[in-house]
């Protein structure tokens, strides 16, 4: 069946963006027949992704193109129409207004936006870059700690000011609801199996505000500043909105009145924020989730492919969802230790995603219902191997994958 651009799905763009960050611009573009765009791009995590290579790679990943590659693109307007339909904004770098606005950092603050202060230490850089806020459920004596429990009260869209002595270092926006999780990268002072609460964030901007300036702005009392005017020992504290906005002003950040929480109308349940179809924060949540997901897998398995078994440089393996995120419930998406596995970019990721291989009930790699003589040499290499990601907790996801590809192929006959 011949496929067209109209068949492209949003999750394929998500996957292509993830691959772009993992491979880098040069290698990513080299895998398509299109050149880098110096005008029309998609902005993701502050980086510019060439629009034509992006949609071309998404098409290749979704449909497994032959030698001719994806269909032709007539130009920037067609690319814009494709991305608009899928919910992605195409940015014109030649727009003078855009260039001027880029010089003035601005963030949206809605009427319900809450502000938080987090005390961090030497782990600031990995934690801020990864977008993770994590706290144990209990201390070593088995007691709950107030300044850890506050993490349970954040909601998507809230803003977090990050302090790492001797100054404020960054600003991030909350992307997901609090979820149970083991410690991510950077929280190495506790055992890896410590149960805790995780909130994923999207870094907004690294900023610099000296401690003395911050102490002169913040109220004394129950927050991060003691009644004596010193920083309180603790982790996560609420901030008064007017005090937080003054800190941002001193950091050179302009705030706008554009509400970031318009999708909270009628008290819509916040559980839908992680990838909800009408959620303005969905793209942010997905990016944050993907970064965390891959890191958790690398920490657990190293950089070995779960299908071919090869140990590879970590940039050559990706976090492959066993059950794709569009089919997962909110709890399943955050079951990060079981809902995905590491797969290499030498074909294993695509072979599994497209259904050329499946994992049997006992964890053995088998041929899927879909087949092609053109990939036989790769199938021979991996069929019959045991998949280390298969276990009691992940069994249900592999079963979904088998059933999905069996049903999908039957529907095409």
Foldseek 3Di string as FASTA:
>chain_A
DDDALVPQALVLLVVLVVLCVLPDQPVLLVVFPDDADPFKFFADLNDTHRQVSSSQNSVCLVPVDDPVGHDDDPDDVSSQVSQVVNPTHIGTPPPPVVVVVVVAAEAEAEPPAWEKEFEDEPLVVVCLQLQKDKDFCADPVRHGDPLQCVLQPDFFQHKYFYDYPFWTWFIWTWQAHKDWDFDFPSPPPDDRPGIIIMTGIRTRDTFTDGNVRLLVQFDADDFQAHPVSHGDPGTMGTGDPVSVVVVCVVRRYHYDHPHQVPVCPPNDPRLCRCQNPPHPSNVVNSVSLQSRLLRVQCVVPPQAALFLGDHDPNSFKGWAFLADPVPDHSNLSPPSLARTHIHGPPPRSSCQVLFQWAADLVQFIAGGPDDDPVCVVVCVSGGGDGGPSDDPVNSVSSVCSRVVNVVVVVVVD
